[in-house]
Amino acid sequence: MLEAIIAEGAGRSVAAIARDLDVPVATAHRQVASLVAEGYLARQARGFHVAGPRLLRLLGQLDEKQVIVNCAAPVLHRLAGQLGCVVQLGTLEGDMVTYRIKTGEGAGDLFTRVGMQLEAYCSGIGKVLLAWLPAGEREAYLATGPFPPLTARTITEPDALRRELAQVREQGYAMDDGEIAEGLQCIAVPIRSSDGRVLAALSASRGRAQVAANPPEATLADIRSAAAEVEAVLSGVLPA
Protein backbone atom coordinates (compact mmCIF):
# COMPACT_ATOMS: atom_id res chain seq x y z
CA MET A 1 0.00 0.00 0.00
CA LEU A 2 2.79 2.42 0.88
CA GLU A 3 4.52 1.74 -2.43
CA ALA A 4 1.30 2.24 -4.40
CA ILE A 5 0.46 5.47 -2.59
CA ILE A 6 3.95 6.91 -3.17
CA ALA A 7 3.72 6.00 -6.85
CA GLU A 8 0.20 7.29 -7.47
CA GLY A 9 -1.32 8.76 -4.34
CA ALA A 10 -0.78 12.40 -5.23
CA GLY A 11 -3.17 12.02 -8.14
CA ARG A 12 -5.53 9.15 -7.28
CA SER A 13 -7.84 8.39 -4.41
CA VAL A 14 -7.28 5.66 -1.85
CA ALA A 15 -10.41 3.92 -3.12
CA ALA A 16 -9.09 3.80 -6.69
CA ILE A 17 -5.72 2.45 -5.57
CA ALA A 18 -7.47 -0.14 -3.37
CA ARG A 19 -9.43 -1.41 -6.37
CA ASP A 20 -6.21 -1.76 -8.38
CA LEU A 21 -4.61 -3.74 -5.54
CA ASP A 22 -7.73 -5.84 -5.01
CA VAL A 23 -7.90 -4.67 -1.38
CA PRO A 24 -11.19 -3.80 0.35
CA VAL A 25 -11.61 -0.03 0.38
CA ALA A 26 -12.23 0.02 4.13
CA THR A 27 -9.02 -1.95 4.72
CA ALA A 28 -7.06 0.41 2.46
CA HIS A 29 -8.35 3.44 4.35
CA ARG A 30 -7.31 1.87 7.68
CA GLN A 31 -3.83 1.11 6.33
CA VAL A 32 -3.41 4.62 4.97
CA ALA A 33 -4.66 6.16 8.21
CA SER A 34 -2.03 4.15 10.12
CA LEU A 35 0.69 5.27 7.72
CA VAL A 36 -0.39 8.90 8.15
CA ALA A 37 -0.49 8.56 11.94
CA GLU A 38 3.08 7.19 11.94
CA GLY A 39 4.34 9.92 9.62
CA TYR A 40 5.09 7.71 6.61
CA LEU A 41 2.41 9.46 4.56
CA ALA A 42 0.95 12.97 4.64
CA ARG A 43 -2.59 13.84 3.61
CA GLN A 44 -3.02 16.51 0.95
CA ALA A 45 -6.02 18.36 -0.43
CA ARG A 46 -8.86 16.37 -2.01
CA GLY A 47 -7.90 13.24 -0.06
CA PHE A 48 -4.65 12.54 -1.89
CA HIS A 49 -1.45 11.47 -0.12
CA VAL A 50 2.30 12.00 -0.50
CA ALA A 51 5.43 10.87 1.34
CA GLY A 52 5.34 11.96 4.97
CA PRO A 53 8.07 13.50 7.14
CA ARG A 54 9.15 10.24 8.77
CA LEU A 55 9.59 8.50 5.44
CA LEU A 56 11.53 11.47 4.05
CA ARG A 57 13.84 11.47 7.06
CA LEU A 58 14.56 7.78 6.54
CA LEU A 59 15.30 8.33 2.87
CA GLY A 60 17.69 11.11 3.78
CA GLN A 61 19.65 8.72 5.95
CA LEU A 62 20.19 6.20 3.14
CA ASP A 63 22.28 6.33 0.03
CA GLU A 64 23.45 3.72 -2.43
CA LYS A 65 26.95 3.52 -0.96
CA GLN A 66 25.65 2.85 2.54
CA VAL A 67 23.44 0.07 1.19
CA ILE A 68 26.51 -1.44 -0.50
CA VAL A 69 28.44 -1.32 2.78
CA ASN A 70 25.60 -2.96 4.72
CA CYS A 71 25.29 -5.76 2.17
CA ALA A 72 29.03 -6.32 1.75
CA ALA A 73 30.20 -6.21 5.37
CA PRO A 74 29.32 -9.82 6.37
CA VAL A 75 30.94 -11.18 3.20
CA LEU A 76 34.12 -9.15 3.74
CA HIS A 77 34.43 -10.18 7.37
CA ARG A 78 34.22 -13.83 6.33
CA LEU A 79 36.70 -13.37 3.47
CA ALA A 80 39.21 -11.68 5.77
CA GLY A 81 39.07 -14.65 8.14
CA GLN A 82 39.42 -17.06 5.25
CA LEU A 83 42.48 -15.29 3.79
CA GLY A 84 44.04 -14.21 7.09
CA CYS A 85 44.68 -10.68 5.82
CA VAL A 86 43.15 -7.22 5.62
CA VAL A 87 40.16 -6.90 3.32
CA GLN A 88 38.78 -3.50 2.30
CA LEU A 89 36.00 -1.96 0.23
CA GLY A 90 36.20 1.46 -1.37
CA THR A 91 34.19 3.79 -3.59
CA LEU A 92 35.22 6.71 -5.79
CA GLU A 93 34.32 10.23 -4.69
CA GLY A 94 35.54 12.69 -7.28
CA ASP A 95 39.16 11.72 -7.86
CA MET A 96 39.67 10.03 -4.48
CA VAL A 97 39.03 6.57 -3.05
CA THR A 98 36.90 6.56 0.10
CA TYR A 99 37.56 3.50 2.27
CA ARG A 100 34.23 2.24 3.62
CA ILE A 101 35.04 -1.20 5.09
CA LYS A 102 38.29 -2.41 6.62
CA THR A 103 38.45 -5.75 8.37
CA GLY A 104 40.73 -8.68 9.11
CA GLU A 105 43.92 -9.67 10.87
CA GLY A 106 46.35 -6.75 11.06
CA ALA A 107 43.70 -4.15 10.16
CA GLY A 108 44.89 -1.87 12.95
CA ASP A 109 48.44 -1.89 11.59
CA LEU A 110 47.53 -0.84 8.06
CA PHE A 111 47.61 2.93 7.47
CA THR A 112 44.13 3.16 5.93
CA ARG A 113 41.00 3.69 8.01
CA VAL A 114 37.27 3.76 7.38
CA GLY A 115 36.26 7.17 6.06
CA MET A 116 39.78 8.02 4.86
CA GLN A 117 40.25 9.29 1.33
CA LEU A 118 43.39 8.44 -0.66
CA GLU A 119 44.60 9.03 -4.20
CA ALA A 120 43.24 6.50 -6.69
CA TYR A 121 46.18 6.06 -9.07
CA CYS A 122 48.40 4.07 -6.69
CA SER A 123 46.06 1.49 -5.11
CA GLY A 124 44.35 -1.66 -6.34
CA ILE A 125 40.92 -0.33 -5.38
CA GLY A 126 41.64 2.98 -7.07
CA LYS A 127 42.82 1.36 -10.29
CA VAL A 128 39.64 -0.71 -10.50
CA LEU A 129 37.43 2.32 -9.98
CA LEU A 130 39.39 4.42 -12.48
CA ALA A 131 39.47 1.64 -15.05
CA TRP A 132 35.68 1.49 -15.30
CA LEU A 133 35.02 5.22 -15.33
CA PRO A 134 33.41 6.52 -18.53
CA ALA A 135 36.21 7.21 -21.01
CA GLY A 136 35.85 10.99 -20.84
CA GLU A 137 36.04 11.04 -17.04
CA ARG A 138 39.02 8.69 -17.09
CA GLU A 139 40.89 10.90 -19.56
CA ALA A 140 40.11 13.98 -17.48
CA TYR A 141 41.66 12.23 -14.49
CA LEU A 142 44.75 11.22 -16.45
CA ALA A 143 45.15 14.82 -17.60
CA THR A 144 45.90 15.81 -13.99
CA GLY A 145 49.16 13.81 -14.05
CA PRO A 146 52.02 13.23 -13.69
CA PHE A 147 51.30 11.86 -10.24
CA PRO A 148 53.49 12.05 -7.13
CA PRO A 149 55.46 8.85 -6.42
CA LEU A 150 54.78 7.20 -3.07
CA THR A 151 57.37 4.45 -3.61
CA ALA A 152 59.86 3.61 -6.33
CA ARG A 153 57.18 1.38 -7.91
CA THR A 154 54.39 3.97 -8.14
CA ILE A 155 53.07 4.58 -11.65
CA THR A 156 53.37 8.33 -12.12
CA GLU A 157 53.13 8.99 -15.88
CA PRO A 158 49.65 9.35 -17.41
CA ASP A 159 50.46 7.20 -20.46
CA ALA A 160 51.75 4.37 -18.29
CA LEU A 161 48.69 4.58 -16.05
CA ARG A 162 46.43 4.62 -19.11
CA ARG A 163 47.99 1.33 -20.27
CA GLU A 164 47.68 -0.10 -16.77
CA LEU A 165 43.97 0.75 -16.58
CA ALA A 166 43.36 -0.81 -20.01
CA GLN A 167 44.98 -4.00 -18.73
CA VAL A 168 42.80 -3.88 -15.61
CA ARG A 169 39.66 -3.73 -17.76
CA GLU A 170 40.90 -6.59 -19.91
CA GLN A 171 41.84 -8.94 -17.07
CA GLY A 172 39.07 -7.91 -14.67
CA TYR A 173 41.22 -7.11 -11.65
CA ALA A 174 43.91 -4.70 -10.48
CA MET A 175 47.08 -5.14 -8.50
CA ASP A 176 49.12 -2.70 -6.44
CA ASP A 177 52.50 -4.34 -5.88
CA GLY A 178 54.35 -2.01 -3.55
CA GLU A 179 53.06 1.13 -5.27
CA ILE A 180 51.37 2.72 -2.26
CA ALA A 181 53.60 1.24 0.46
CA GLU A 182 56.80 -0.81 0.30
CA GLY A 183 56.26 -4.53 0.78
CA LEU A 184 52.47 -4.37 0.50
CA GLN A 185 50.58 -6.13 -2.28
CA CYS A 186 46.86 -5.51 -2.89
CA ILE A 187 44.60 -7.35 -5.31
CA ALA A 188 41.27 -5.70 -6.13
CA VAL A 189 38.17 -6.60 -8.14
CA PRO A 190 35.04 -4.63 -9.06
CA ILE A 191 31.63 -4.98 -7.44
CA ARG A 192 28.95 -4.36 -10.05
CA SER A 193 25.27 -3.58 -10.08
CA SER A 194 22.82 -5.77 -11.98
CA ASP A 195 23.09 -3.37 -14.95
CA GLY A 196 26.90 -3.65 -15.06
CA ARG A 197 27.90 -0.41 -13.33
CA VAL A 198 30.98 -0.67 -11.12
CA LEU A 199 29.71 0.46 -7.72
CA ALA A 200 32.75 -0.26 -5.56
CA ALA A 201 35.94 -2.28 -5.41
CA LEU A 202 36.99 -5.03 -3.01
CA SER A 203 40.65 -5.68 -2.17
CA ALA A 204 42.85 -7.99 -0.12
CA SER A 205 46.09 -6.49 1.24
CA ARG A 206 49.01 -8.78 2.10
CA GLY A 207 52.63 -8.51 3.11
CA ARG A 208 55.54 -10.34 1.48
CA ALA A 209 55.31 -13.38 3.76
CA GLN A 210 51.60 -13.84 3.06
CA VAL A 211 52.16 -13.49 -0.69
CA ALA A 212 54.93 -16.09 -0.60
CA ALA A 213 52.70 -18.53 1.32
CA ASN A 214 49.65 -18.04 -0.89
CA PRO A 215 50.15 -16.94 -4.52
CA PRO A 216 48.02 -14.16 -5.97
CA GLU A 217 46.14 -16.52 -8.29
CA ALA A 218 44.56 -18.43 -5.41
CA THR A 219 43.73 -15.26 -3.53
CA LEU A 220 42.16 -13.73 -6.64
CA ALA A 221 39.74 -16.64 -6.98
CA ASP A 222 38.55 -16.14 -3.39
CA ILE A 223 38.18 -12.38 -3.86
CA ARG A 224 36.19 -12.83 -7.06
CA SER A 225 33.92 -15.33 -5.36
CA ALA A 226 33.27 -12.86 -2.53
CA ALA A 227 32.55 -10.04 -4.99
CA ALA A 228 30.05 -12.26 -6.82
CA GLU A 229 28.34 -13.00 -3.50
CA VAL A 230 28.03 -9.29 -2.71
CA GLU A 231 26.67 -8.62 -6.21
CA ALA A 232 24.04 -11.32 -5.74
CA VAL A 233 22.87 -9.71 -2.50
CA LEU A 234 22.82 -6.24 -4.06
CA SER A 235 20.76 -7.45 -7.01
CA GLY A 236 17.88 -8.08 -4.63
CA VAL A 237 18.23 -4.73 -2.87
CA LEU A 238 19.23 -1.98 -5.32
CA PRO A 239 16.84 -0.95 -8.09
CA ALA A 240 17.74 -2.26 -11.52
C-alpha atoms as a PDB file:
ATOM      1  CA  MET A   1       0.000   0.000   0.000  1.00  0.00           C
ATOM      2  CA  LEU A   2       2.792   2.417   0.876  1.00  0.00           C
ATOM      3  CA  GLU A   3       4.523   1.744  -2.432  1.00  0.00           C
ATOM      4  CA  ALA A   4       1.302   2.244  -4.399  1.00  0.00           C
ATOM      5  CA  ILE A   5       0.456   5.471  -2.586  1.00  0.00           C
ATOM      6  CA  ILE A   6       3.946   6.909  -3.170  1.00  0.00           C
ATOM      7  CA  ALA A   7       3.722   6.003  -6.848  1.00  0.00           C
ATOM      8  CA  GLU A   8       0.204   7.295  -7.474  1.00  0.00           C
ATOM      9  CA  GLY A   9      -1.321   8.756  -4.340  1.00  0.00           C
ATOM     10  CA  ALA A  10      -0.777  12.404  -5.234  1.00  0.00           C
ATOM     11  CA  GLY A  11      -3.175  12.019  -8.143  1.00  0.00           C
ATOM     12  CA  ARG A  12      -5.528   9.150  -7.277  1.00  0.00           C
ATOM     13  CA  SER A  13      -7.836   8.387  -4.411  1.00  0.00           C
ATOM     14  CA  VAL A  14      -7.281   5.656  -1.854  1.00  0.00           C
ATOM     15  CA  ALA A  15     -10.410   3.918  -3.119  1.00  0.00           C
ATOM     16  CA  ALA A  16      -9.087   3.798  -6.692  1.00  0.00           C
ATOM     17  CA  ILE A  17      -5.721   2.448  -5.575  1.00  0.00           C
ATOM     18  CA  ALA A  18      -7.467  -0.141  -3.368  1.00  0.00           C
ATOM     19  CA  ARG A  19      -9.433  -1.413  -6.366  1.00  0.00           C
ATOM     20  CA  ASP A  20      -6.210  -1.757  -8.378  1.00  0.00           C
ATOM     21  CA  LEU A  21      -4.613  -3.743  -5.540  1.00  0.00           C
ATOM     22  CA  ASP A  22      -7.731  -5.837  -5.007  1.00  0.00           C
ATOM     23  CA  VAL A  23      -7.902  -4.675  -1.382  1.00  0.00           C
ATOM     24  CA  PRO A  24     -11.194  -3.804   0.355  1.00  0.00           C
ATOM     25  CA  VAL A  25     -11.612  -0.034   0.380  1.00  0.00           C
ATOM     26  CA  ALA A  26     -12.226   0.023   4.135  1.00  0.00           C
ATOM     27  CA  THR A  27      -9.019  -1.948   4.716  1.00  0.00           C
ATOM     28  CA  ALA A  28      -7.064   0.413   2.463  1.00  0.00           C
ATOM     29  CA  HIS A  29      -8.350   3.445   4.354  1.00  0.00           C
ATOM     30  CA  ARG A  30      -7.311   1.870   7.680  1.00  0.00           C
ATOM     31  CA  GLN A  31      -3.827   1.109   6.328  1.00  0.00           C
ATOM     32  CA  VAL A  32      -3.414   4.622   4.968  1.00  0.00           C
ATOM     33  CA  ALA A  33      -4.659   6.158   8.208  1.00  0.00           C
ATOM     34  CA  SER A  34      -2.026   4.150  10.116  1.00  0.00           C
ATOM     35  CA  LEU A  35       0.692   5.275   7.725  1.00  0.00           C
ATOM     36  CA  VAL A  36      -0.394   8.896   8.146  1.00  0.00           C
ATOM     37  CA  ALA A  37      -0.486   8.561  11.938  1.00  0.00           C
ATOM     38  CA  GLU A  38       3.076   7.189  11.936  1.00  0.00           C
ATOM     39  CA  GLY A  39       4.342   9.925   9.618  1.00  0.00           C
ATOM     40  CA  TYR A  40       5.095   7.711   6.611  1.00  0.00           C
ATOM     41  CA  LEU A  41       2.405   9.455   4.562  1.00  0.00           C
ATOM     42  CA  ALA A  42       0.952  12.970   4.637  1.00  0.00           C
ATOM     43  CA  ARG A  43      -2.594  13.839   3.608  1.00  0.00           C
ATOM     44  CA  GLN A  44      -3.023  16.508   0.947  1.00  0.00           C
ATOM     45  CA  ALA A  45      -6.016  18.360  -0.430  1.00  0.00           C
ATOM     46  CA  ARG A  46      -8.861  16.369  -2.013  1.00  0.00           C
ATOM     47  CA  GLY A  47      -7.897  13.239  -0.060  1.00  0.00           C
ATOM     48  CA  PHE A  48      -4.651  12.545  -1.895  1.00  0.00           C
ATOM     49  CA  HIS A  49      -1.452  11.474  -0.119  1.00  0.00           C
ATOM     50  CA  VAL A  50       2.296  12.002  -0.504  1.00  0.00           C
ATOM     51  CA  ALA A  51       5.431  10.867   1.343  1.00  0.00           C
ATOM     52  CA  GLY A  52       5.336  11.959   4.973  1.00  0.00           C
ATOM     53  CA  PRO A  53       8.068  13.500   7.139  1.00  0.00           C
ATOM     54  CA  ARG A  54       9.148  10.238   8.771  1.00  0.00           C
ATOM     55  CA  LEU A  55       9.594   8.503   5.437  1.00  0.00           C
ATOM     56  CA  LEU A  56      11.528  11.472   4.047  1.00  0.00           C
ATOM     57  CA  ARG A  57      13.838  11.471   7.063  1.00  0.00           C
ATOM     58  CA  LEU A  58      14.562   7.780   6.544  1.00  0.00           C
ATOM     59  CA  LEU A  59      15.304   8.326   2.870  1.00  0.00           C
ATOM     60  CA  GLY A  60      17.687  11.111   3.778  1.00  0.00           C
ATOM     61  CA  GLN A  61      19.652   8.715   5.953  1.00  0.00           C
ATOM     62  CA  LEU A  62      20.188   6.202   3.144  1.00  0.00           C
ATOM     63  CA  ASP A  63      22.282   6.330   0.028  1.00  0.00           C
ATOM     64  CA  GLU A  64      23.449   3.720  -2.428  1.00  0.00           C
ATOM     65  CA  LYS A  65      26.945   3.520  -0.959  1.00  0.00           C
ATOM     66  CA  GLN A  66      25.650   2.847   2.545  1.00  0.00           C
ATOM     67  CA  VAL A  67      23.442   0.068   1.192  1.00  0.00           C
ATOM     68  CA  ILE A  68      26.515  -1.443  -0.505  1.00  0.00           C
ATOM     69  CA  VAL A  69      28.439  -1.323   2.777  1.00  0.00           C
ATOM     70  CA  ASN A  70      25.602  -2.960   4.718  1.00  0.00           C
ATOM     71  CA  CYS A  71      25.286  -5.764   2.167  1.00  0.00           C
ATOM     72  CA  ALA A  72      29.035  -6.319   1.749  1.00  0.00           C
ATOM     73  CA  ALA A  73      30.201  -6.212   5.366  1.00  0.00           C
ATOM     74  CA  PRO A  74      29.323  -9.821   6.371  1.00  0.00           C
ATOM     75  CA  VAL A  75      30.942 -11.181   3.200  1.00  0.00           C
ATOM     76  CA  LEU A  76      34.124  -9.151   3.735  1.00  0.00           C
ATOM     77  CA  HIS A  77      34.432 -10.184   7.374  1.00  0.00           C
ATOM     78  CA  ARG A  78      34.225 -13.827   6.332  1.00  0.00           C
ATOM     79  CA  LEU A  79      36.698 -13.369   3.465  1.00  0.00           C
ATOM     80  CA  ALA A  80      39.212 -11.681   5.769  1.00  0.00           C
ATOM     81  CA  GLY A  81      39.068 -14.648   8.135  1.00  0.00           C
ATOM     82  CA  GLN A  82      39.423 -17.060   5.246  1.00  0.00           C
ATOM     83  CA  LEU A  83      42.476 -15.294   3.793  1.00  0.00           C
ATOM     84  CA  GLY A  84      44.043 -14.209   7.095  1.00  0.00           C
ATOM     85  CA  CYS A  85      44.677 -10.683   5.818  1.00  0.00           C
ATOM     86  CA  VAL A  86      43.151  -7.217   5.623  1.00  0.00           C
ATOM     87  CA  VAL A  87      40.155  -6.900   3.319  1.00  0.00           C
ATOM     88  CA  GLN A  88      38.779  -3.499   2.296  1.00  0.00           C
ATOM     89  CA  LEU A  89      35.998  -1.961   0.231  1.00  0.00           C
ATOM     90  CA  GLY A  90      36.203   1.463  -1.374  1.00  0.00           C
ATOM     91  CA  THR A  91      34.192   3.787  -3.593  1.00  0.00           C
ATOM     92  CA  LEU A  92      35.217   6.708  -5.791  1.00  0.00           C
ATOM     93  CA  GLU A  93      34.317  10.231  -4.686  1.00  0.00           C
ATOM     94  CA  GLY A  94      35.540  12.692  -7.284  1.00  0.00           C
ATOM     95  CA  ASP A  95      39.162  11.718  -7.862  1.00  0.00           C
ATOM     96  CA  MET A  96      39.666  10.032  -4.483  1.00  0.00           C
ATOM     97  CA  VAL A  97      39.027   6.572  -3.047  1.00  0.00           C
ATOM     98  CA  THR A  98      36.904   6.562   0.100  1.00  0.00           C
ATOM     99  CA  TYR A  99      37.558   3.502   2.267  1.00  0.00           C
ATOM    100  CA  ARG A 100      34.228   2.238   3.621  1.00  0.00           C
ATOM    101  CA  ILE A 101      35.045  -1.198   5.092  1.00  0.00           C
ATOM    102  CA  LYS A 102      38.295  -2.411   6.620  1.00  0.00           C
ATOM    103  CA  THR A 103      38.452  -5.752   8.372  1.00  0.00           C
ATOM    104  CA  GLY A 104      40.730  -8.675   9.108  1.00  0.00           C
ATOM    105  CA  GLU A 105      43.917  -9.670  10.870  1.00  0.00           C
ATOM    106  CA  GLY A 106      46.348  -6.748  11.062  1.00  0.00           C
ATOM    107  CA  ALA A 107      43.695  -4.153  10.165  1.00  0.00           C
ATOM    108  CA  GLY A 108      44.886  -1.871  12.952  1.00  0.00           C
ATOM    109  CA  ASP A 109      48.443  -1.891  11.595  1.00  0.00           C
ATOM    110  CA  LEU A 110      47.533  -0.838   8.059  1.00  0.00           C
ATOM    111  CA  PHE A 111      47.608   2.933   7.467  1.00  0.00           C
ATOM    112  CA  THR A 112      44.134   3.159   5.928  1.00  0.00           C
ATOM    113  CA  ARG A 113      41.001   3.695   8.011  1.00  0.00           C
ATOM    114  CA  VAL A 114      37.271   3.760   7.377  1.00  0.00           C
ATOM    115  CA  GLY A 115      36.262   7.173   6.060  1.00  0.00           C
ATOM    116  CA  MET A 116      39.778   8.015   4.858  1.00  0.00           C
ATOM    117  CA  GLN A 117      40.255   9.285   1.326  1.00  0.00           C
ATOM    118  CA  LEU A 118      43.392   8.443  -0.660  1.00  0.00           C
ATOM    119  CA  GLU A 119      44.597   9.028  -4.196  1.00  0.00           C
ATOM    120  CA  ALA A 120      43.237   6.502  -6.689  1.00  0.00           C
ATOM    121  CA  TYR A 121      46.183   6.059  -9.072  1.00  0.00           C
ATOM    122  CA  CYS A 122      48.397   4.075  -6.688  1.00  0.00           C
ATOM    123  CA  SER A 123      46.065   1.486  -5.112  1.00  0.00           C
ATOM    124  CA  GLY A 124      44.350  -1.658  -6.335  1.00  0.00           C
ATOM    125  CA  ILE A 125      40.922  -0.334  -5.379  1.00  0.00           C
ATOM    126  CA  GLY A 126      41.644   2.978  -7.070  1.00  0.00           C
ATOM    127  CA  LYS A 127      42.820   1.363 -10.291  1.00  0.00           C
ATOM    128  CA  VAL A 128      39.636  -0.710 -10.499  1.00  0.00           C
ATOM    129  CA  LEU A 129      37.434   2.325  -9.976  1.00  0.00           C
ATOM    130  CA  LEU A 130      39.390   4.425 -12.477  1.00  0.00           C
ATOM    131  CA  ALA A 131      39.467   1.639 -15.053  1.00  0.00           C
ATOM    132  CA  TRP A 132      35.677   1.492 -15.300  1.00  0.00           C
ATOM    133  CA  LEU A 133      35.023   5.217 -15.332  1.00  0.00           C
ATOM    134  CA  PRO A 134      33.415   6.521 -18.526  1.00  0.00           C
ATOM    135  CA  ALA A 135      36.206   7.212 -21.007  1.00  0.00           C
ATOM    136  CA  GLY A 136      35.846  10.988 -20.839  1.00  0.00           C
ATOM    137  CA  GLU A 137      36.039  11.038 -17.038  1.00  0.00           C
ATOM    138  CA  ARG A 138      39.024   8.688 -17.087  1.00  0.00           C
ATOM    139  CA  GLU A 139      40.890  10.900 -19.559  1.00  0.00           C
ATOM    140  CA  ALA A 140      40.111  13.979 -17.480  1.00  0.00           C
ATOM    141  CA  TYR A 141      41.663  12.235 -14.486  1.00  0.00           C
ATOM    142  CA  LEU A 142      44.751  11.217 -16.451  1.00  0.00           C
ATOM    143  CA  ALA A 143      45.155  14.820 -17.602  1.00  0.00           C
ATOM    144  CA  THR A 144      45.899  15.806 -13.993  1.00  0.00           C
ATOM    145  CA  GLY A 145      49.158  13.814 -14.048  1.00  0.00           C
ATOM    146  CA  PRO A 146      52.025  13.228 -13.694  1.00  0.00           C
ATOM    147  CA  PHE A 147      51.303  11.864 -10.236  1.00  0.00           C
ATOM    148  CA  PRO A 148      53.489  12.055  -7.130  1.00  0.00           C
ATOM    149  CA  PRO A 149      55.460   8.853  -6.418  1.00  0.00           C
ATOM    150  CA  LEU A 150      54.783   7.204  -3.069  1.00  0.00           C
ATOM    151  CA  THR A 151      57.367   4.452  -3.612  1.00  0.00           C
ATOM    152  CA  ALA A 152      59.862   3.613  -6.326  1.00  0.00           C
ATOM    153  CA  ARG A 153      57.182   1.375  -7.914  1.00  0.00           C
ATOM    154  CA  THR A 154      54.389   3.971  -8.137  1.00  0.00           C
ATOM    155  CA  ILE A 155      53.074   4.578 -11.647  1.00  0.00           C
ATOM    156  CA  THR A 156      53.369   8.329 -12.125  1.00  0.00           C
ATOM    157  CA  GLU A 157      53.131   8.988 -15.881  1.00  0.00           C
ATOM    158  CA  PRO A 158      49.650   9.346 -17.407  1.00  0.00           C
ATOM    159  CA  ASP A 159      50.463   7.203 -20.462  1.00  0.00           C
ATOM    160  CA  ALA A 160      51.753   4.373 -18.289  1.00  0.00           C
ATOM    161  CA  LEU A 161      48.691   4.585 -16.048  1.00  0.00           C
ATOM    162  CA  ARG A 162      46.427   4.615 -19.114  1.00  0.00           C
ATOM    163  CA  ARG A 163      47.991   1.333 -20.266  1.00  0.00           C
ATOM    164  CA  GLU A 164      47.677  -0.100 -16.769  1.00  0.00           C
ATOM    165  CA  LEU A 165      43.972   0.752 -16.584  1.00  0.00           C
ATOM    166  CA  ALA A 166      43.359  -0.807 -20.011  1.00  0.00           C
ATOM    167  CA  GLN A 167      44.982  -4.003 -18.728  1.00  0.00           C
ATOM    168  CA  VAL A 168      42.800  -3.885 -15.610  1.00  0.00           C
ATOM    169  CA  ARG A 169      39.656  -3.730 -17.756  1.00  0.00           C
ATOM    170  CA  GLU A 170      40.898  -6.590 -19.906  1.00  0.00           C
ATOM    171  CA  GLN A 171      41.839  -8.940 -17.069  1.00  0.00           C
ATOM    172  CA  GLY A 172      39.073  -7.915 -14.671  1.00  0.00           C
ATOM    173  CA  TYR A 173      41.220  -7.111 -11.651  1.00  0.00           C
ATOM    174  CA  ALA A 174      43.915  -4.702 -10.483  1.00  0.00           C
ATOM    175  CA  MET A 175      47.084  -5.145  -8.495  1.00  0.00           C
ATOM    176  CA  ASP A 176      49.118  -2.705  -6.443  1.00  0.00           C
ATOM    177  CA  ASP A 177      52.496  -4.337  -5.884  1.00  0.00           C
ATOM    178  CA  GLY A 178      54.351  -2.012  -3.546  1.00  0.00           C
ATOM    179  CA  GLU A 179      53.057   1.134  -5.269  1.00  0.00           C
ATOM    180  CA  ILE A 180      51.375   2.722  -2.259  1.00  0.00           C
ATOM    181  CA  ALA A 181      53.603   1.238   0.457  1.00  0.00           C
ATOM    182  CA  GLU A 182      56.796  -0.806   0.302  1.00  0.00           C
ATOM    183  CA  GLY A 183      56.262  -4.533   0.778  1.00  0.00           C
ATOM    184  CA  LEU A 184      52.472  -4.366   0.498  1.00  0.00           C
ATOM    185  CA  GLN A 185      50.578  -6.131  -2.276  1.00  0.00           C
ATOM    186  CA  CYS A 186      46.862  -5.510  -2.887  1.00  0.00           C
ATOM    187  CA  ILE A 187      44.602  -7.345  -5.313  1.00  0.00           C
ATOM    188  CA  ALA A 188      41.271  -5.697  -6.130  1.00  0.00           C
ATOM    189  CA  VAL A 189      38.171  -6.597  -8.142  1.00  0.00           C
ATOM    190  CA  PRO A 190      35.043  -4.634  -9.060  1.00  0.00           C
ATOM    191  CA  ILE A 191      31.633  -4.975  -7.439  1.00  0.00           C
ATOM    192  CA  ARG A 192      28.951  -4.364 -10.051  1.00  0.00           C
ATOM    193  CA  SER A 193      25.265  -3.580 -10.080  1.00  0.00           C
ATOM    194  CA  SER A 194      22.822  -5.772 -11.984  1.00  0.00           C
ATOM    195  CA  ASP A 195      23.094  -3.369 -14.949  1.00  0.00           C
ATOM    196  CA  GLY A 196      26.898  -3.654 -15.057  1.00  0.00           C
ATOM    197  CA  ARG A 197      27.898  -0.415 -13.326  1.00  0.00           C
ATOM    198  CA  VAL A 198      30.977  -0.666 -11.120  1.00  0.00           C
ATOM    199  CA  LEU A 199      29.705   0.464  -7.717  1.00  0.00           C
ATOM    200  CA  ALA A 200      32.746  -0.259  -5.558  1.00  0.00           C
ATOM    201  CA  ALA A 201      35.943  -2.280  -5.409  1.00  0.00           C
ATOM    202  CA  LEU A 202      36.993  -5.031  -3.008  1.00  0.00           C
ATOM    203  CA  SER A 203      40.652  -5.682  -2.166  1.00  0.00           C
ATOM    204  CA  ALA A 204      42.851  -7.992  -0.121  1.00  0.00           C
ATOM    205  CA  SER A 205      46.091  -6.492   1.239  1.00  0.00           C
ATOM    206  CA  ARG A 206      49.011  -8.778   2.099  1.00  0.00           C
ATOM    207  CA  GLY A 207      52.633  -8.507   3.108  1.00  0.00           C
ATOM    208  CA  ARG A 208      55.535 -10.337   1.484  1.00  0.00           C
ATOM    209  CA  ALA A 209      55.307 -13.376   3.761  1.00  0.00           C
ATOM    210  CA  GLN A 210      51.603 -13.844   3.056  1.00  0.00           C
ATOM    211  CA  VAL A 211      52.156 -13.485  -0.692  1.00  0.00           C
ATOM    212  CA  ALA A 212      54.927 -16.091  -0.596  1.00  0.00           C
ATOM    213  CA  ALA A 213      52.705 -18.526   1.322  1.00  0.00           C
ATOM    214  CA  ASN A 214      49.650 -18.043  -0.887  1.00  0.00           C
ATOM    215  CA  PRO A 215      50.151 -16.943  -4.515  1.00  0.00           C
ATOM    216  CA  PRO A 216      48.015 -14.157  -5.971  1.00  0.00           C
ATOM    217  CA  GLU A 217      46.138 -16.515  -8.291  1.00  0.00           C
ATOM    218  CA  ALA A 218      44.558 -18.426  -5.409  1.00  0.00           C
ATOM    219  CA  THR A 219      43.726 -15.255  -3.531  1.00  0.00           C
ATOM    220  CA  LEU A 220      42.162 -13.728  -6.645  1.00  0.00           C
ATOM    221  CA  ALA A 221      39.741 -16.643  -6.977  1.00  0.00           C
ATOM    222  CA  ASP A 222      38.551 -16.138  -3.394  1.00  0.00           C
ATOM    223  CA  ILE A 223      38.178 -12.378  -3.860  1.00  0.00           C
ATOM    224  CA  ARG A 224      36.189 -12.828  -7.062  1.00  0.00           C
ATOM    225  CA  SER A 225      33.919 -15.327  -5.357  1.00  0.00           C
ATOM    226  CA  ALA A 226      33.271 -12.862  -2.526  1.00  0.00           C
ATOM    227  CA  ALA A 227      32.552 -10.039  -4.992  1.00  0.00           C
ATOM    228  CA  ALA A 228      30.051 -12.257  -6.822  1.00  0.00           C
ATOM    229  CA  GLU A 229      28.337 -13.001  -3.504  1.00  0.00           C
ATOM    230  CA  VAL A 230      28.035  -9.287  -2.712  1.00  0.00           C
ATOM    231  CA  GLU A 231      26.666  -8.621  -6.206  1.00  0.00           C
ATOM    232  CA  ALA A 232      24.038 -11.321  -5.743  1.00  0.00           C
ATOM    233  CA  VAL A 233      22.868  -9.708  -2.500  1.00  0.00           C
ATOM    234  CA  LEU A 234      22.825  -6.235  -4.059  1.00  0.00           C
ATOM    235  CA  SER A 235      20.760  -7.449  -7.015  1.00  0.00           C
ATOM    236  CA  GLY A 236      17.883  -8.081  -4.631  1.00  0.00           C
ATOM    237  CA  VAL A 237      18.227  -4.730  -2.874  1.00  0.00           C
ATOM    238  CA  LEU A 238      19.230  -1.985  -5.320  1.00  0.00           C
ATOM    239  CA  PRO A 239      16.836  -0.949  -8.091  1.00  0.00           C
ATOM    240  CA  ALA A 240      17.740  -2.260 -11.523  1.00  0.00           C
END
